[in-house]
């Protein structure tokens, strides 16, 4: 895996723990930190991590594109880029409709691909305009911005900050090929799904736009414990089961032959019965969608991506995991994949 850039998910119970993990990841040779927008925001922890490090990139992984305005996204990106000396990557994703509407009170989600295209255009225009000290205009049918007479007094590090786009389904992946600086895989997809559904869409989008295919960041749930590999597999099963309850992803699981398990998985999830959830997922489904078990097991699973993606985001299990559990899985990733 010498040619595969390895990235780590950023987590921590406190600012000090976030900073420490960032420093350890940098020292261990990881190239990028992805901050998810789930239990914390996707931007504020990156400010802590960026201030504690010197070379490692910091990336929102992912920031939900429709839950904040393009102007706020641009300001956050410029702030992070300033605080980190130009090490920021904007990772955006649409999320699913229910999350946007029920959790974030987003009034308009559809059509997500067209809305994402205009969101990315607006963010890029705003970043450039605010960096260059000019007015901004990005007209669109769903997302349209116009800023006149406003000038940001701070000097920007860059007028263009990379925007990477996440997707699970081909239409959004095609947009990533068309407009993004890089594609972000979902941690519960498989390499087979990438090769059959996502990569062809990315390549097609890039070809139609007359540009090179953007780099791909694979992602994988990783749980490693040489002392108790079965516990690692169970933790991974809970996260796989969590994502298997999302109806948007049904076809992916069905295409892998696991469609008949989704009903039992949902029932166990809704009843808050983790043991039943892990059993409903089963070891074969864990093996298809995660890297779990011993150090040898997880390294073998991740090595399959070498030569097929440019970089790999290693994600600890998170569903039904407390802070100590997360620390355990992060330690396992650092031990298994650290390069120093």
Protein backbone atom coordinates (compact mmCIF):
# COMPACT_ATOMS: atom_id res chain seq x y z
CA UNK A 1 0.00 0.00 0.00
CA UNK A 2 2.98 2.29 -0.51
CA UNK A 3 1.25 4.26 -3.29
CA UNK A 4 -2.10 4.60 -1.52
CA UNK A 5 -2.57 7.79 0.50
CA UNK A 6 -4.21 6.93 3.82
CA UNK A 7 -6.60 9.29 5.57
CA UNK A 8 -8.01 9.16 9.09
CA UNK A 9 -11.36 10.25 10.48
CA UNK A 10 -11.08 13.03 13.05
CA UNK A 11 -12.77 12.43 16.40
CA UNK A 12 -12.29 13.27 20.05
CA UNK A 13 -14.09 13.98 23.30
CA UNK A 14 -12.37 17.33 23.82
CA UNK A 15 -10.29 19.92 22.01
CA UNK A 16 -7.16 18.44 23.57
CA UNK A 17 -8.07 14.94 22.35
CA UNK A 18 -8.87 16.21 18.85
CA UNK A 19 -5.51 18.02 18.70
CA UNK A 20 -3.65 14.98 20.01
CA UNK A 21 -5.24 12.63 17.46
CA UNK A 22 -4.41 15.06 14.66
CA UNK A 23 -0.77 15.26 15.75
CA UNK A 24 -0.48 11.49 16.04
CA UNK A 25 -2.05 10.98 12.62
CA UNK A 26 0.39 13.46 11.09
CA UNK A 27 3.36 11.78 12.79
CA UNK A 28 2.12 8.34 11.64
CA UNK A 29 2.11 9.40 8.00
CA UNK A 30 -1.60 9.89 7.36
CA UNK A 31 -2.14 12.48 4.66
CA UNK A 32 -5.58 13.91 5.41
CA UNK A 33 -8.06 14.22 8.27
CA UNK A 34 -11.76 13.95 7.43
CA UNK A 35 -14.21 15.49 9.93
CA UNK A 36 -17.72 14.03 9.67
CA UNK A 37 -20.85 16.07 10.31
CA UNK A 38 -22.62 13.74 12.71
CA UNK A 39 -21.85 14.02 16.42
CA UNK A 40 -19.82 17.20 15.88
CA UNK A 41 -19.81 19.80 13.15
CA UNK A 42 -17.57 19.17 10.16
CA UNK A 43 -15.68 22.47 10.46
CA UNK A 44 -14.92 23.44 14.05
CA UNK A 45 -12.87 20.31 14.92
CA UNK A 46 -10.77 20.99 11.82
CA UNK A 47 -9.81 24.40 13.20
CA UNK A 48 -8.52 22.66 16.33
CA UNK A 49 -6.70 19.99 14.31
CA UNK A 50 -5.25 22.49 11.88
CA UNK A 51 -3.85 24.62 14.67
CA UNK A 52 -2.13 21.60 16.21
CA UNK A 53 -0.49 20.34 12.99
CA UNK A 54 1.77 21.59 10.22
CA UNK A 55 1.43 19.44 7.10
CA UNK A 56 -1.59 17.13 7.19
CA UNK A 57 -4.60 18.22 5.12
CA UNK A 58 -7.93 18.89 6.84
CA UNK A 59 -11.21 18.11 5.07
CA UNK A 60 -14.90 18.31 5.83
CA UNK A 61 -16.05 14.76 5.44
CA UNK A 62 -18.68 15.52 4.74
CA UNK A 63 -20.34 18.90 5.19
CA UNK A 64 -24.00 18.71 4.26
CA UNK A 65 -24.33 21.03 1.31
CA UNK A 66 -27.98 21.99 1.64
CA UNK A 67 -28.13 22.70 5.38
CA UNK A 68 -26.08 25.92 5.28
CA UNK A 69 -25.89 28.73 2.75
CA UNK A 70 -23.15 28.85 0.11
CA UNK A 71 -21.98 32.09 1.73
CA UNK A 72 -21.48 30.37 5.10
CA UNK A 73 -19.73 27.45 3.40
CA UNK A 74 -17.38 29.87 1.64
CA UNK A 75 -16.59 31.76 4.85
CA UNK A 76 -15.92 28.53 6.75
CA UNK A 77 -13.66 27.28 3.97
CA UNK A 78 -11.72 30.54 3.82
CA UNK A 79 -11.37 30.62 7.60
CA UNK A 80 -10.07 27.04 7.72
CA UNK A 81 -7.72 27.68 4.84
CA UNK A 82 -6.35 30.75 6.62
CA UNK A 83 -5.96 28.93 9.95
CA UNK A 84 -4.21 25.96 8.33
CA UNK A 85 -2.05 27.80 5.83
CA UNK A 86 -3.79 26.40 2.77
CA UNK A 87 -4.40 22.79 3.83
CA UNK A 88 -8.19 22.76 3.57
CA UNK A 89 -10.39 20.54 1.40
CA UNK A 90 -14.14 21.11 1.17
CA UNK A 91 -15.91 17.76 1.17
CA UNK A 92 -19.60 18.11 0.35
CA UNK A 93 -22.50 15.68 0.22
CA UNK A 94 -26.25 15.91 -0.21
CA UNK A 95 -27.21 13.51 2.56
CA UNK A 96 -30.58 11.81 2.26
CA UNK A 97 -33.92 13.61 1.98
CA UNK A 98 -35.21 12.58 5.41
CA UNK A 99 -32.06 13.80 7.17
CA UNK A 100 -32.26 17.16 5.42
CA UNK A 101 -35.95 17.68 6.05
CA UNK A 102 -36.48 16.12 9.49
CA UNK A 103 -33.17 16.94 11.21
CA UNK A 104 -32.20 20.17 9.52
CA UNK A 105 -35.57 21.65 8.45
CA UNK A 106 -34.28 22.14 4.91
CA UNK A 107 -37.27 23.37 2.89
CA UNK A 108 -35.98 22.26 -0.53
CA UNK A 109 -34.02 19.10 -1.23
CA UNK A 110 -35.11 18.13 -4.75
CA UNK A 111 -33.64 17.92 -7.29
CA UNK A 112 -30.45 17.05 -5.37
CA UNK A 113 -28.06 16.70 -8.34
CA UNK A 114 -29.04 20.01 -9.93
CA UNK A 115 -29.04 21.71 -6.55
CA UNK A 116 -25.57 20.32 -5.80
CA UNK A 117 -24.20 21.52 -9.13
CA UNK A 118 -25.39 25.06 -8.39
CA UNK A 119 -24.23 24.90 -4.77
CA UNK A 120 -20.69 23.99 -5.81
CA UNK A 121 -20.68 26.73 -8.44
CA UNK A 122 -21.88 29.26 -5.86
CA UNK A 123 -19.32 28.25 -3.24
CA UNK A 124 -16.49 28.44 -5.76
CA UNK A 125 -17.61 31.83 -7.00
CA UNK A 126 -17.93 33.17 -3.46
CA UNK A 127 -14.52 31.87 -2.38
CA UNK A 128 -12.90 33.41 -5.44
CA UNK A 129 -14.73 36.72 -5.16
CA UNK A 130 -14.07 37.13 -1.44
CA UNK A 131 -10.41 36.23 -1.98
CA UNK A 132 -10.03 38.62 -4.90
CA UNK A 133 -11.98 41.52 -3.40
CA UNK A 134 -14.78 41.69 -5.97
CA UNK A 135 -18.51 41.24 -6.28
CA UNK A 136 -19.88 37.70 -6.58
CA UNK A 137 -22.61 36.40 -8.82
CA UNK A 138 -23.63 32.80 -9.45
CA UNK A 139 -27.08 32.56 -11.03
CA UNK A 140 -29.03 29.32 -10.83
CA UNK A 141 -32.53 27.86 -10.90
CA UNK A 142 -32.23 26.38 -7.40
CA UNK A 143 -29.24 28.13 -5.80
CA UNK A 144 -28.51 31.68 -6.85
CA UNK A 145 -26.25 34.18 -5.09
CA UNK A 146 -25.44 37.83 -5.69
CA UNK A 147 -23.11 39.80 -3.42
CA UNK A 148 -22.34 43.42 -4.25
CA UNK A 149 -20.27 45.97 -2.36
CA UNK A 150 -19.05 43.49 0.26
CA UNK A 151 -15.34 43.13 0.81
CA UNK A 152 -13.68 40.74 3.25
CA UNK A 153 -10.75 42.50 4.96
CA UNK A 154 -8.66 39.39 5.65
CA UNK A 155 -6.26 38.22 2.96
CA UNK A 156 -7.11 34.75 1.64
CA UNK A 157 -4.49 32.06 1.22
CA UNK A 158 -6.07 30.87 -2.04
CA UNK A 159 -8.83 31.98 -4.39
CA UNK A 160 -9.72 28.35 -5.15
CA UNK A 161 -10.09 25.73 -2.45
CA UNK A 162 -10.56 22.10 -3.62
CA UNK A 163 -14.15 20.84 -3.53
CA UNK A 164 -14.60 17.07 -3.29
CA UNK A 165 -18.05 15.54 -3.73
CA UNK A 166 -19.47 12.45 -2.01
CA UNK A 167 -21.98 10.07 -3.56
CA UNK A 168 -23.49 6.63 -3.16
CA UNK A 169 -25.57 6.54 -6.34
CA UNK A 170 -24.47 6.98 -9.96
CA UNK A 171 -26.17 10.29 -10.80
CA UNK A 172 -24.36 12.21 -8.08
CA UNK A 173 -21.13 10.34 -8.89
CA UNK A 174 -21.49 11.49 -12.50
CA UNK A 175 -21.73 15.07 -11.26
CA UNK A 176 -18.55 14.51 -9.25
CA UNK A 177 -16.78 13.51 -12.44
CA UNK A 178 -18.15 16.58 -14.16
CA UNK A 179 -17.37 19.33 -11.64
CA UNK A 180 -15.49 18.18 -8.52
CA UNK A 181 -11.81 18.20 -7.61
CA UNK A 182 -12.20 14.70 -6.20
CA UNK A 183 -14.75 11.99 -5.41
CA UNK A 184 -15.48 10.77 -1.87
CA UNK A 185 -16.77 7.23 -1.44
CA UNK A 186 -19.25 6.35 1.29
CA UNK A 187 -17.70 4.18 4.05
CA UNK A 188 -20.33 1.47 3.70
CA UNK A 189 -20.11 0.95 -0.05
CA UNK A 190 -17.99 -1.86 -1.46
CA UNK A 191 -15.20 -2.00 -3.99
CA UNK A 192 -17.54 -3.99 -6.24
CA UNK A 193 -20.14 -1.21 -6.07
CA UNK A 194 -17.42 1.32 -6.81
CA UNK A 195 -16.26 -0.57 -9.89
CA UNK A 196 -19.73 -1.43 -11.22
CA UNK A 197 -21.74 1.71 -10.44
CA UNK A 198 -19.68 4.67 -9.30
CA UNK A 199 -16.42 4.67 -11.24
CA UNK A 200 -18.14 4.38 -14.65
CA UNK A 201 -20.38 7.30 -13.71
CA UNK A 202 -17.42 9.41 -12.57
CA UNK A 203 -15.52 8.66 -15.77
CA UNK A 204 -18.56 9.45 -17.90
CA UNK A 205 -19.15 12.77 -16.15
CA UNK A 206 -15.52 13.78 -16.62
CA UNK A 207 -15.51 12.73 -20.28
CA UNK A 208 -18.69 14.68 -21.04
CA UNK A 209 -17.20 17.74 -19.35
CA UNK A 210 -13.98 17.38 -21.35
CA UNK A 211 -11.77 17.02 -18.30
CA UNK A 212 -9.55 14.48 -16.60
CA UNK A 213 -11.22 12.01 -14.25
CA UNK A 214 -10.87 13.41 -10.72
CA UNK A 215 -9.06 11.40 -8.04
CA UNK A 216 -11.13 8.99 -5.98
CA UNK A 217 -11.03 8.65 -2.21
CA UNK A 218 -12.26 5.23 -1.16
CA UNK A 219 -13.76 4.87 2.30
CA UNK A 220 -14.13 1.87 4.57
CA UNK A 221 -15.32 1.11 8.09
CA UNK A 222 -12.29 -0.30 9.90
CA UNK A 223 -12.34 -2.10 13.26
CA UNK A 224 -9.13 -3.81 14.32
CA UNK A 225 -8.30 -5.63 17.57
CA UNK A 226 -5.81 -8.49 17.60
CA UNK A 227 -6.85 -9.40 21.13
CA UNK A 228 -10.57 -9.64 20.35
CA UNK A 229 -11.21 -9.72 16.59
CA UNK A 230 -14.80 -10.88 17.12
CA UNK A 231 -15.58 -7.68 19.05
CA UNK A 232 -14.18 -5.70 16.13
CA UNK A 233 -16.43 -7.56 13.71
CA UNK A 234 -19.46 -6.95 15.93
CA UNK A 235 -18.73 -3.21 16.11
CA UNK A 236 -18.41 -3.07 12.33
CA UNK A 237 -21.67 -5.02 11.97
CA UNK A 238 -23.53 -2.38 13.98
CA UNK A 239 -22.38 0.41 11.67
CA UNK A 240 -23.12 -1.61 8.54
CA UNK A 241 -26.55 -2.35 9.99
CA UNK A 242 -27.15 1.33 10.70
CA UNK A 243 -26.57 2.24 7.06
CA UNK A 244 -28.58 -0.74 5.85
CA UNK A 245 -31.70 0.89 7.35
CA UNK A 246 -31.44 3.80 4.89
CA UNK A 247 -33.87 3.17 2.04
CA UNK A 248 -31.78 5.18 -0.41
CA UNK A 249 -29.10 2.47 -0.16
CA UNK A 250 -31.46 -0.52 -0.57
CA UNK A 251 -30.42 -1.32 -4.13
CA UNK A 252 -26.76 -1.46 -3.20
CA UNK A 253 -27.36 -4.02 -0.45
CA UNK A 254 -29.81 -5.97 -2.61
CA UNK A 255 -27.36 -6.11 -5.51
CA UNK A 256 -24.88 -7.77 -3.14
CA UNK A 257 -27.44 -10.44 -2.26
CA UNK A 258 -28.46 -9.07 1.14
CA UNK A 259 -31.89 -7.68 0.30
CA UNK A 260 -33.68 -10.40 2.29
CA UNK A 261 -31.93 -9.25 5.50
CA UNK A 262 -32.99 -5.62 5.41
CA UNK A 263 -36.33 -6.19 7.12
CA UNK A 264 -34.79 -7.93 10.14
CA UNK A 265 -32.05 -5.32 10.29
CA UNK A 266 -34.58 -2.48 10.40
CA UNK A 267 -36.66 -4.20 13.07
CA UNK A 268 -33.63 -4.74 15.30
CA UNK A 269 -32.44 -1.17 14.74
CA UNK A 270 -35.83 0.38 15.56
CA UNK A 271 -36.16 -1.82 18.66
CA UNK A 272 -32.70 -0.65 19.86
CA UNK A 273 -31.44 -4.23 20.14
CA UNK A 274 -27.76 -4.14 19.14
CA UNK A 275 -27.11 -7.87 19.55
CA UNK A 276 -30.02 -8.68 17.25
CA UNK A 277 -28.82 -6.03 14.81
CA UNK A 278 -25.33 -7.51 14.63
CA UNK A 279 -26.78 -11.02 14.17
CA UNK A 280 -29.11 -9.82 11.42
CA UNK A 281 -26.18 -8.33 9.54
CA UNK A 282 -23.98 -11.42 9.84
CA UNK A 283 -20.26 -11.96 9.20
CA UNK A 284 -20.56 -12.23 5.42
CA UNK A 285 -22.26 -8.84 5.15
CA UNK A 286 -19.58 -7.35 7.41
CA UNK A 287 -16.88 -8.78 5.15
CA UNK A 288 -18.58 -7.28 2.09
CA UNK A 289 -18.89 -3.75 3.47
CA UNK A 290 -16.18 -3.30 6.14
CA UNK A 291 -12.67 -4.25 7.21
CA UNK A 292 -12.88 -5.90 10.62
CA UNK A 293 -10.99 -8.39 12.75
CA UNK A 294 -7.25 -8.71 13.24
CA UNK A 295 -4.52 -6.46 11.88
CA UNK A 296 -3.91 -8.95 9.09
CA UNK A 297 -7.62 -9.02 8.27
CA UNK A 298 -8.03 -5.26 7.96
CA UNK A 299 -4.79 -4.71 6.08
CA UNK A 300 -5.80 -7.35 3.56
CA UNK A 301 -9.20 -5.72 3.09
CA UNK A 302 -7.75 -2.23 2.59
CA UNK A 303 -5.01 -3.51 0.27
CA UNK A 304 -7.71 -4.46 -2.26
CA UNK A 305 -8.14 -0.75 -2.97
CA UNK A 306 -4.47 -0.21 -3.81
CA UNK A 307 -4.14 0.81 -7.45
CA UNK A 308 -7.90 1.27 -7.81
CA UNK A 309 -8.31 4.52 -5.87
CA UNK A 310 -5.88 7.34 -5.15
CA UNK A 311 -6.50 7.55 -1.43
CA UNK A 312 -8.33 5.71 1.34
CA UNK A 313 -10.35 7.14 4.26
CA UNK A 314 -10.34 4.76 7.24
CA UNK A 315 -13.46 5.18 9.37
CA UNK A 316 -13.94 3.71 12.87
CA UNK A 317 -17.37 2.20 13.64
CA UNK A 318 -19.67 4.74 15.21
CA UNK A 319 -23.18 3.29 15.63
CA UNK A 320 -23.88 2.27 19.25
CA UNK A 321 -20.26 3.03 20.18
CA UNK A 322 -19.32 5.15 23.19
CA UNK A 323 -16.26 7.39 23.39
CA UNK A 324 -14.05 4.62 24.74
CA UNK A 325 -15.12 2.35 21.89
CA UNK A 326 -14.22 5.02 19.34
CA UNK A 327 -10.82 5.50 20.95
CA UNK A 328 -10.26 1.74 20.77
CA UNK A 329 -10.99 1.58 17.04
CA UNK A 330 -8.93 4.69 16.31
CA UNK A 331 -5.99 3.15 18.17
CA UNK A 332 -6.38 0.00 16.10
CA UNK A 333 -6.28 2.00 12.86
CA UNK A 334 -3.20 3.94 13.97
CA UNK A 335 -1.42 0.74 14.97
CA UNK A 336 -2.35 -1.16 11.81
CA UNK A 337 -1.69 1.59 9.26
CA UNK A 338 0.72 4.07 10.83
CA UNK A 339 3.85 4.43 8.72
CA UNK A 340 6.30 5.56 11.39
